[in-house]
Amino acid sequence: EQSVLLIEGDQLGLTALGDELRSI
């Protein structure tokens, strides 16, 4: 409805995903 990608999570998981995006 809002046309938004939501990424929710705990700090450990968000940091791991952030590290993966940085490597990409």
mmCIF file of all heavy atoms, coordinates in Angstrom:
data_MODEL
# 
_entry.id   MODEL 
# 
loop_
_atom_site.group_PDB 
_atom_site.id 
_atom_site.type_symbol 
_atom_site.label_atom_id 
_atom_site.label_alt_id 
_atom_site.label_comp_id 
_atom_site.label_asym_id 
_atom_site.label_entity_id 
_atom_site.label_seq_id 
_atom_site.pdbx_PDB_ins_code 
_atom_site.Cartn_x 
_atom_site.Cartn_y 
_atom_site.Cartn_z 
_atom_site.occupancy 
_atom_site.B_iso_or_equiv 
_atom_site.pdbx_formal_charge 
_atom_site.auth_seq_id 
_atom_site.auth_comp_id 
_atom_site.auth_asym_id 
_atom_site.auth_atom_id 
_atom_site.pdbx_PDB_model_num 
ATOM 1   N N   . GLU A 1 1  ? 0.823  -1.213  0.000  1.00 0.00 ? 1  GLU A N   1 
ATOM 2   C CA  . GLU A 1 1  ? 0.000  0.000   0.000  1.00 0.00 ? 1  GLU A CA  1 
ATOM 3   C C   . GLU A 1 1  ? 0.855  1.260   0.000  1.00 0.00 ? 1  GLU A C   1 
ATOM 4   O O   . GLU A 1 1  ? 0.509  2.251   -0.637 1.00 0.00 ? 1  GLU A O   1 
ATOM 5   C CB  . GLU A 1 1  ? -0.942 0.001   1.198  1.00 0.00 ? 1  GLU A CB  1 
ATOM 6   C CG  . GLU A 1 1  ? -2.064 -1.008  1.078  1.00 0.00 ? 1  GLU A CG  1 
ATOM 7   C CD  . GLU A 1 1  ? -3.027 -0.937  2.241  1.00 0.00 ? 1  GLU A CD  1 
ATOM 8   O OE1 . GLU A 1 1  ? -3.065 0.093   2.938  1.00 0.00 ? 1  GLU A OE1 1 
ATOM 9   O OE2 . GLU A 1 1  ? -3.750 -1.924  2.438  1.00 0.00 ? 1  GLU A OE2 1 
ATOM 10  N N   . GLN A 1 2  ? 1.963  1.224   0.721  1.00 0.00 ? 2  GLN A N   1 
ATOM 11  C CA  . GLN A 1 2  ? 2.857  2.382   0.791  1.00 0.00 ? 2  GLN A CA  1 
ATOM 12  C C   . GLN A 1 2  ? 3.973  2.322   -0.252 1.00 0.00 ? 2  GLN A C   1 
ATOM 13  O O   . GLN A 1 2  ? 4.746  3.259   -0.385 1.00 0.00 ? 2  GLN A O   1 
ATOM 14  C CB  . GLN A 1 2  ? 3.490  2.476   2.187  1.00 0.00 ? 2  GLN A CB  1 
ATOM 15  C CG  . GLN A 1 2  ? 2.481  2.632   3.305  1.00 0.00 ? 2  GLN A CG  1 
ATOM 16  C CD  . GLN A 1 2  ? 1.765  3.956   3.233  1.00 0.00 ? 2  GLN A CD  1 
ATOM 17  O OE1 . GLN A 1 2  ? 2.373  4.987   2.989  1.00 0.00 ? 2  GLN A OE1 1 
ATOM 18  N NE2 . GLN A 1 2  ? 0.458  3.924   3.427  1.00 0.00 ? 2  GLN A NE2 1 
ATOM 19  N N   . SER A 1 3  ? 4.074  1.194   -0.963 1.00 0.00 ? 3  SER A N   1 
ATOM 20  C CA  . SER A 1 3  ? 5.124  0.974   -1.964 1.00 0.00 ? 3  SER A CA  1 
ATOM 21  C C   . SER A 1 3  ? 6.520  1.094   -1.353 1.00 0.00 ? 3  SER A C   1 
ATOM 22  O O   . SER A 1 3  ? 7.403  1.757   -1.884 1.00 0.00 ? 3  SER A O   1 
ATOM 23  C CB  . SER A 1 3  ? 4.955  1.958   -3.129 1.00 0.00 ? 3  SER A CB  1 
ATOM 24  O OG  . SER A 1 3  ? 5.829  1.631   -4.183 1.00 0.00 ? 3  SER A OG  1 
ATOM 25  N N   . VAL A 1 4  ? 6.698  0.414   -0.199 1.00 0.00 ? 4  VAL A N   1 
ATOM 26  C CA  . VAL A 1 4  ? 7.940  0.523   0.568  1.00 0.00 ? 4  VAL A CA  1 
ATOM 27  C C   . VAL A 1 4  ? 8.526  -0.866  0.826  1.00 0.00 ? 4  VAL A C   1 
ATOM 28  O O   . VAL A 1 4  ? 7.812  -1.787  1.220  1.00 0.00 ? 4  VAL A O   1 
ATOM 29  C CB  . VAL A 1 4  ? 7.673  1.209   1.930  1.00 0.00 ? 4  VAL A CB  1 
ATOM 30  C CG1 . VAL A 1 4  ? 8.917  1.214   2.799  1.00 0.00 ? 4  VAL A CG1 1 
ATOM 31  C CG2 . VAL A 1 4  ? 7.173  2.625   1.733  1.00 0.00 ? 4  VAL A CG2 1 
ATOM 32  N N   . LEU A 1 5  ? 9.832  -0.987  0.627  1.00 0.00 ? 5  LEU A N   1 
ATOM 33  C CA  . LEU A 1 5  ? 10.568 -2.163  1.071  1.00 0.00 ? 5  LEU A CA  1 
ATOM 34  C C   . LEU A 1 5  ? 10.940 -1.912  2.525  1.00 0.00 ? 5  LEU A C   1 
ATOM 35  O O   . LEU A 1 5  ? 11.588 -0.906  2.840  1.00 0.00 ? 5  LEU A O   1 
ATOM 36  C CB  . LEU A 1 5  ? 11.836 -2.368  0.239  1.00 0.00 ? 5  LEU A CB  1 
ATOM 37  C CG  . LEU A 1 5  ? 12.767 -3.486  0.700  1.00 0.00 ? 5  LEU A CG  1 
ATOM 38  C CD1 . LEU A 1 5  ? 12.081 -4.847  0.571  1.00 0.00 ? 5  LEU A CD1 1 
ATOM 39  C CD2 . LEU A 1 5  ? 14.065 -3.464  -0.085 1.00 0.00 ? 5  LEU A CD2 1 
ATOM 40  N N   . LEU A 1 6  ? 10.488 -2.783  3.432  1.00 0.00 ? 6  LEU A N   1 
ATOM 41  C CA  . LEU A 1 6  ? 10.782 -2.662  4.854  1.00 0.00 ? 6  LEU A CA  1 
ATOM 42  C C   . LEU A 1 6  ? 11.801 -3.717  5.249  1.00 0.00 ? 6  LEU A C   1 
ATOM 43  O O   . LEU A 1 6  ? 11.626 -4.905  4.949  1.00 0.00 ? 6  LEU A O   1 
ATOM 44  C CB  . LEU A 1 6  ? 9.520  -2.866  5.687  1.00 0.00 ? 6  LEU A CB  1 
ATOM 45  C CG  . LEU A 1 6  ? 8.440  -1.810  5.539  1.00 0.00 ? 6  LEU A CG  1 
ATOM 46  C CD1 . LEU A 1 6  ? 7.154  -2.271  6.219  1.00 0.00 ? 6  LEU A CD1 1 
ATOM 47  C CD2 . LEU A 1 6  ? 8.898  -0.497  6.122  1.00 0.00 ? 6  LEU A CD2 1 
ATOM 48  N N   . ILE A 1 7  ? 12.854 -3.275  5.913  1.00 0.00 ? 7  ILE A N   1 
ATOM 49  C CA  . ILE A 1 7  ? 13.858 -4.191  6.439  1.00 0.00 ? 7  ILE A CA  1 
ATOM 50  C C   . ILE A 1 7  ? 13.881 -3.969  7.943  1.00 0.00 ? 7  ILE A C   1 
ATOM 51  O O   . ILE A 1 7  ? 14.279 -2.906  8.413  1.00 0.00 ? 7  ILE A O   1 
ATOM 52  C CB  . ILE A 1 7  ? 15.245 -3.948  5.807  1.00 0.00 ? 7  ILE A CB  1 
ATOM 53  C CG1 . ILE A 1 7  ? 15.162 -4.059  4.279  1.00 0.00 ? 7  ILE A CG1 1 
ATOM 54  C CG2 . ILE A 1 7  ? 16.258 -4.943  6.379  1.00 0.00 ? 7  ILE A CG2 1 
ATOM 55  C CD1 . ILE A 1 7  ? 16.457 -3.711  3.563  1.00 0.00 ? 7  ILE A CD1 1 
ATOM 56  N N   . GLU A 1 8  ? 13.404 -4.970  8.682  1.00 0.00 ? 8  GLU A N   1 
ATOM 57  C CA  . GLU A 1 8  ? 13.286 -4.873  10.133 1.00 0.00 ? 8  GLU A CA  1 
ATOM 58  C C   . GLU A 1 8  ? 14.126 -5.951  10.776 1.00 0.00 ? 8  GLU A C   1 
ATOM 59  O O   . GLU A 1 8  ? 14.197 -7.062  10.248 1.00 0.00 ? 8  GLU A O   1 
ATOM 60  C CB  . GLU A 1 8  ? 11.843 -5.109  10.585 1.00 0.00 ? 8  GLU A CB  1 
ATOM 61  C CG  . GLU A 1 8  ? 10.801 -4.336  9.861  1.00 0.00 ? 8  GLU A CG  1 
ATOM 62  C CD  . GLU A 1 8  ? 9.401  -4.727  10.301 1.00 0.00 ? 8  GLU A CD  1 
ATOM 63  O OE1 . GLU A 1 8  ? 9.138  -5.920  10.561 1.00 0.00 ? 8  GLU A OE1 1 
ATOM 64  O OE2 . GLU A 1 8  ? 8.582  -3.809  10.368 1.00 0.00 ? 8  GLU A OE2 1 
ATOM 65  N N   . GLY A 1 9  ? 14.712 -5.620  11.926 1.00 0.00 ? 9  GLY A N   1 
ATOM 66  C CA  . GLY A 1 9  ? 15.442 -6.670  12.614 1.00 0.00 ? 9  GLY A CA  1 
ATOM 67  C C   . GLY A 1 9  ? 16.271 -6.191  13.767 1.00 0.00 ? 9  GLY A C   1 
ATOM 68  O O   . GLY A 1 9  ? 16.336 -4.992  14.062 1.00 0.00 ? 9  GLY A O   1 
ATOM 69  N N   . ASP A 1 10 ? 16.901 -7.169  14.422 1.00 0.00 ? 10 ASP A N   1 
ATOM 70  C CA  . ASP A 1 10 ? 17.767 -6.857  15.546 1.00 0.00 ? 10 ASP A CA  1 
ATOM 71  C C   . ASP A 1 10 ? 19.102 -6.314  15.037 1.00 0.00 ? 10 ASP A C   1 
ATOM 72  O O   . ASP A 1 10 ? 19.448 -6.443  13.856 1.00 0.00 ? 10 ASP A O   1 
ATOM 73  C CB  . ASP A 1 10 ? 17.954 -8.083  16.444 1.00 0.00 ? 10 ASP A CB  1 
ATOM 74  C CG  . ASP A 1 10 ? 18.565 -9.277  15.734 1.00 0.00 ? 10 ASP A CG  1 
ATOM 75  O OD1 . ASP A 1 10 ? 19.251 -9.114  14.707 1.00 0.00 ? 10 ASP A OD1 1 
ATOM 76  O OD2 . ASP A 1 10 ? 18.359 -10.405 16.211 1.00 0.00 ? 10 ASP A OD2 1 
ATOM 77  N N   . GLN A 1 11 ? 19.827 -5.671  15.926 1.00 0.00 ? 11 GLN A N   1 
ATOM 78  C CA  . GLN A 1 11 ? 21.057 -4.984  15.519 1.00 0.00 ? 11 GLN A CA  1 
ATOM 79  C C   . GLN A 1 11 ? 22.097 -5.935  14.930 1.00 0.00 ? 11 GLN A C   1 
ATOM 80  O O   . GLN A 1 11 ? 22.756 -5.600  13.948 1.00 0.00 ? 11 GLN A O   1 
ATOM 81  C CB  . GLN A 1 11 ? 21.650 -4.220  16.704 1.00 0.00 ? 11 GLN A CB  1 
ATOM 82  C CG  . GLN A 1 11 ? 22.703 -3.222  16.292 1.00 0.00 ? 11 GLN A CG  1 
ATOM 83  C CD  . GLN A 1 11 ? 22.179 -2.209  15.276 1.00 0.00 ? 11 GLN A CD  1 
ATOM 84  O OE1 . GLN A 1 11 ? 21.174 -1.565  15.502 1.00 0.00 ? 11 GLN A OE1 1 
ATOM 85  N NE2 . GLN A 1 11 ? 22.849 -2.068  14.156 1.00 0.00 ? 11 GLN A NE2 1 
ATOM 86  N N   . LEU A 1 12 ? 22.227 -7.107  15.501 1.00 0.00 ? 12 LEU A N   1 
ATOM 87  C CA  . LEU A 1 12 ? 23.204 -8.073  14.991 1.00 0.00 ? 12 LEU A CA  1 
ATOM 88  C C   . LEU A 1 12 ? 22.884 -8.456  13.548 1.00 0.00 ? 12 LEU A C   1 
ATOM 89  O O   . LEU A 1 12 ? 23.756 -8.465  12.674 1.00 0.00 ? 12 LEU A O   1 
ATOM 90  C CB  . LEU A 1 12 ? 23.237 -9.308  15.892 1.00 0.00 ? 12 LEU A CB  1 
ATOM 91  C CG  . LEU A 1 12 ? 24.340 -10.312 15.628 1.00 0.00 ? 12 LEU A CG  1 
ATOM 92  C CD1 . LEU A 1 12 ? 25.700 -9.694  15.899 1.00 0.00 ? 12 LEU A CD1 1 
ATOM 93  C CD2 . LEU A 1 12 ? 24.138 -11.539 16.520 1.00 0.00 ? 12 LEU A CD2 1 
ATOM 94  N N   . GLY A 1 13 ? 21.610 -8.750  13.275 1.00 0.00 ? 13 GLY A N   1 
ATOM 95  C CA  . GLY A 1 13 ? 21.199 -9.142  11.931 1.00 0.00 ? 13 GLY A CA  1 
ATOM 96  C C   . GLY A 1 13 ? 21.288 -7.991  10.941 1.00 0.00 ? 13 GLY A C   1 
ATOM 97  O O   . GLY A 1 13 ? 21.740 -8.170  9.802  1.00 0.00 ? 13 GLY A O   1 
ATOM 98  N N   . LEU A 1 14 ? 20.859 -6.800  11.352 1.00 0.00 ? 14 LEU A N   1 
ATOM 99  C CA  . LEU A 1 14 ? 20.937 -5.637  10.452 1.00 0.00 ? 14 LEU A CA  1 
ATOM 100 C C   . LEU A 1 14 ? 22.388 -5.329  10.091 1.00 0.00 ? 14 LEU A C   1 
ATOM 101 O O   . LEU A 1 14 ? 22.696 -4.993  8.942  1.00 0.00 ? 14 LEU A O   1 
ATOM 102 C CB  . LEU A 1 14 ? 20.273 -4.416  11.100 1.00 0.00 ? 14 LEU A CB  1 
ATOM 103 C CG  . LEU A 1 14 ? 18.755 -4.479  11.254 1.00 0.00 ? 14 LEU A CG  1 
ATOM 104 C CD1 . LEU A 1 14 ? 18.257 -3.274  12.057 1.00 0.00 ? 14 LEU A CD1 1 
ATOM 105 C CD2 . LEU A 1 14 ? 18.054 -4.542  9.902  1.00 0.00 ? 14 LEU A CD2 1 
ATOM 106 N N   . THR A 1 15 ? 23.277 -5.464  11.058 1.00 0.00 ? 15 THR A N   1 
ATOM 107 C CA  . THR A 1 15 ? 24.701 -5.224  10.790 1.00 0.00 ? 15 THR A CA  1 
ATOM 108 C C   . THR A 1 15 ? 25.251 -6.261  9.811  1.00 0.00 ? 15 THR A C   1 
ATOM 109 O O   . THR A 1 15 ? 26.012 -5.927  8.900  1.00 0.00 ? 15 THR A O   1 
ATOM 110 C CB  . THR A 1 15 ? 25.503 -5.228  12.104 1.00 0.00 ? 15 THR A CB  1 
ATOM 111 O OG1 . THR A 1 15 ? 25.019 -4.153  12.925 1.00 0.00 ? 15 THR A OG1 1 
ATOM 112 C CG2 . THR A 1 15 ? 26.991 -5.037  11.850 1.00 0.00 ? 15 THR A CG2 1 
ATOM 113 N N   . ALA A 1 16 ? 24.867 -7.518  9.979  1.00 0.00 ? 16 ALA A N   1 
ATOM 114 C CA  . ALA A 1 16 ? 25.325 -8.574  9.060  1.00 0.00 ? 16 ALA A CA  1 
ATOM 115 C C   . ALA A 1 16 ? 24.845 -8.293  7.640  1.00 0.00 ? 16 ALA A C   1 
ATOM 116 O O   . ALA A 1 16 ? 25.618 -8.417  6.682  1.00 0.00 ? 16 ALA A O   1 
ATOM 117 C CB  . ALA A 1 16 ? 24.836 -9.942  9.527  1.00 0.00 ? 16 ALA A CB  1 
ATOM 118 N N   . LEU A 1 17 ? 23.582 -7.898  7.481  1.00 0.00 ? 17 LEU A N   1 
ATOM 119 C CA  . LEU A 1 17 ? 23.073 -7.557  6.154  1.00 0.00 ? 17 LEU A CA  1 
ATOM 120 C C   . LEU A 1 17 ? 23.782 -6.325  5.610  1.00 0.00 ? 17 LEU A C   1 
ATOM 121 O O   . LEU A 1 17 ? 24.134 -6.275  4.429  1.00 0.00 ? 17 LEU A O   1 
ATOM 122 C CB  . LEU A 1 17 ? 21.560 -7.349  6.202  1.00 0.00 ? 17 LEU A CB  1 
ATOM 123 C CG  . LEU A 1 17 ? 20.887 -6.960  4.886  1.00 0.00 ? 17 LEU A CG  1 
ATOM 124 C CD1 . LEU A 1 17 ? 21.179 -7.962  3.771  1.00 0.00 ? 17 LEU A CD1 1 
ATOM 125 C CD2 . LEU A 1 17 ? 19.384 -6.810  5.092  1.00 0.00 ? 17 LEU A CD2 1 
ATOM 126 N N   . GLY A 1 18 ? 24.037 -5.339  6.457  1.00 0.00 ? 18 GLY A N   1 
ATOM 127 C CA  . GLY A 1 18 ? 24.778 -4.156  6.030  1.00 0.00 ? 18 GLY A CA  1 
ATOM 128 C C   . GLY A 1 18 ? 26.167 -4.505  5.527  1.00 0.00 ? 18 GLY A C   1 
ATOM 129 O O   . GLY A 1 18 ? 26.628 -3.987  4.509  1.00 0.00 ? 18 GLY A O   1 
ATOM 130 N N   . ASP A 1 19 ? 26.842 -5.421  6.219  1.00 0.00 ? 19 ASP A N   1 
ATOM 131 C CA  . ASP A 1 19 ? 28.171 -5.864  5.783  1.00 0.00 ? 19 ASP A CA  1 
ATOM 132 C C   . ASP A 1 19 ? 28.091 -6.539  4.410  1.00 0.00 ? 19 ASP A C   1 
ATOM 133 O O   . ASP A 1 19 ? 28.965 -6.342  3.557  1.00 0.00 ? 19 ASP A O   1 
ATOM 134 C CB  . ASP A 1 19 ? 28.779 -6.830  6.798  1.00 0.00 ? 19 ASP A CB  1 
ATOM 135 C CG  . ASP A 1 19 ? 29.177 -6.153  8.097  1.00 0.00 ? 19 ASP A CG  1 
ATOM 136 O OD1 . ASP A 1 19 ? 29.263 -4.905  8.137  1.00 0.00 ? 19 ASP A OD1 1 
ATOM 137 O OD2 . ASP A 1 19 ? 29.395 -6.881  9.093  1.00 0.00 ? 19 ASP A OD2 1 
ATOM 138 N N   . GLU A 1 20 ? 27.035 -7.316  4.203  1.00 0.00 ? 20 GLU A N   1 
ATOM 139 C CA  . GLU A 1 20 ? 26.871 -7.991  2.920  1.00 0.00 ? 20 GLU A CA  1 
ATOM 140 C C   . GLU A 1 20 ? 26.643 -6.968  1.795  1.00 0.00 ? 20 GLU A C   1 
ATOM 141 O O   . GLU A 1 20 ? 27.211 -7.084  0.711  1.00 0.00 ? 20 GLU A O   1 
ATOM 142 C CB  . GLU A 1 20 ? 25.718 -8.985  2.995  1.00 0.00 ? 20 GLU A CB  1 
ATOM 143 C CG  . GLU A 1 20 ? 25.717 -9.946  1.855  1.00 0.00 ? 20 GLU A CG  1 
ATOM 144 C CD  . GLU A 1 20 ? 25.023 -11.262 2.157  1.00 0.00 ? 20 GLU A CD  1 
ATOM 145 O OE1 . GLU A 1 20 ? 24.573 -11.506 3.283  1.00 0.00 ? 20 GLU A OE1 1 
ATOM 146 O OE2 . GLU A 1 20 ? 24.943 -12.063 1.213  1.00 0.00 ? 20 GLU A OE2 1 
ATOM 147 N N   . LEU A 1 21 ? 25.827 -5.948  2.066  1.00 0.00 ? 21 LEU A N   1 
ATOM 148 C CA  . LEU A 1 21 ? 25.598 -4.913  1.048  1.00 0.00 ? 21 LEU A CA  1 
ATOM 149 C C   . LEU A 1 21 ? 26.880 -4.139  0.741  1.00 0.00 ? 21 LEU A C   1 
ATOM 150 O O   . LEU A 1 21 ? 27.144 -3.800  -0.415 1.00 0.00 ? 21 LEU A O   1 
ATOM 151 C CB  . LEU A 1 21 ? 24.494 -3.956  1.490  1.00 0.00 ? 21 LEU A CB  1 
ATOM 152 C CG  . LEU A 1 21 ? 23.082 -4.529  1.465  1.00 0.00 ? 21 LEU A CG  1 
ATOM 153 C CD1 . LEU A 1 21 ? 22.079 -3.473  1.894  1.00 0.00 ? 21 LEU A CD1 1 
ATOM 154 C CD2 . LEU A 1 21 ? 22.720 -5.064  0.102  1.00 0.00 ? 21 LEU A CD2 1 
ATOM 155 N N   . ARG A 1 22 ? 27.669 -3.864  1.766  1.00 0.00 ? 22 ARG A N   1 
ATOM 156 C CA  . ARG A 1 22 ? 28.949 -3.180  1.527  1.00 0.00 ? 22 ARG A CA  1 
ATOM 157 C C   . ARG A 1 22 ? 29.860 -4.011  0.627  1.00 0.00 ? 22 ARG A C   1 
ATOM 158 O O   . ARG A 1 22 ? 30.533 -3.466  -0.244 1.00 0.00 ? 22 ARG A O   1 
ATOM 159 C CB  . ARG A 1 22 ? 29.658 -2.907  2.847  1.00 0.00 ? 22 ARG A CB  1 
ATOM 160 C CG  . ARG A 1 22 ? 29.416 -1.541  3.339  1.00 0.00 ? 22 ARG A CG  1 
ATOM 161 C CD  . ARG A 1 22 ? 30.369 -1.164  4.450  1.00 0.00 ? 22 ARG A CD  1 
ATOM 162 N NE  . ARG A 1 22 ? 29.560 -0.392  5.370  1.00 0.00 ? 22 ARG A NE  1 
ATOM 163 C CZ  . ARG A 1 22 ? 29.634 -0.435  6.663  1.00 0.00 ? 22 ARG A CZ  1 
ATOM 164 N NH1 . ARG A 1 22 ? 30.508 -1.193  7.262  1.00 0.00 ? 22 ARG A NH1 1 
ATOM 165 N NH2 . ARG A 1 22 ? 28.849 0.302   7.403  1.00 0.00 ? 22 ARG A NH2 1 
ATOM 166 N N   . SER A 1 23 ? 29.886 -5.317  0.837  1.00 0.00 ? 23 SER A N   1 
ATOM 167 C CA  . SER A 1 23 ? 30.748 -6.163  0.004  1.00 0.00 ? 23 SER A CA  1 
ATOM 168 C C   . SER A 1 23 ? 30.245 -6.175  -1.444 1.00 0.00 ? 23 SER A C   1 
ATOM 169 O O   . SER A 1 23 ? 31.044 -6.232  -2.380 1.00 0.00 ? 23 SER A O   1 
ATOM 170 C CB  . SER A 1 23 ? 30.869 -7.577  0.568  1.00 0.00 ? 23 SER A CB  1 
ATOM 171 O OG  . SER A 1 23 ? 29.705 -8.332  0.346  1.00 0.00 ? 23 SER A OG  1 
ATOM 172 N N   . ILE A 1 24 ? 28.934 -6.093  -1.635 1.00 0.00 ? 24 ILE A N   1 
ATOM 173 C CA  . ILE A 1 24 ? 28.398 -6.025  -2.995 1.00 0.00 ? 24 ILE A CA  1 
ATOM 174 C C   . ILE A 1 24 ? 28.761 -4.682  -3.616 1.00 0.00 ? 24 ILE A C   1 
ATOM 175 O O   . ILE A 1 24 ? 29.143 -4.616  -4.793 1.00 0.00 ? 24 ILE A O   1 
ATOM 176 C CB  . ILE A 1 24 ? 26.865 -6.244  -2.996 1.00 0.00 ? 24 ILE A CB  1 
ATOM 177 C CG1 . ILE A 1 24 ? 26.543 -7.663  -2.491 1.00 0.00 ? 24 ILE A CG1 1 
ATOM 178 C CG2 . ILE A 1 24 ? 26.284 -6.020  -4.391 1.00 0.00 ? 24 ILE A CG2 1 
ATOM 179 C CD1 . ILE A 1 24 ? 25.079 -7.888  -2.149 1.00 0.00 ? 24 ILE A CD1 1 
# 
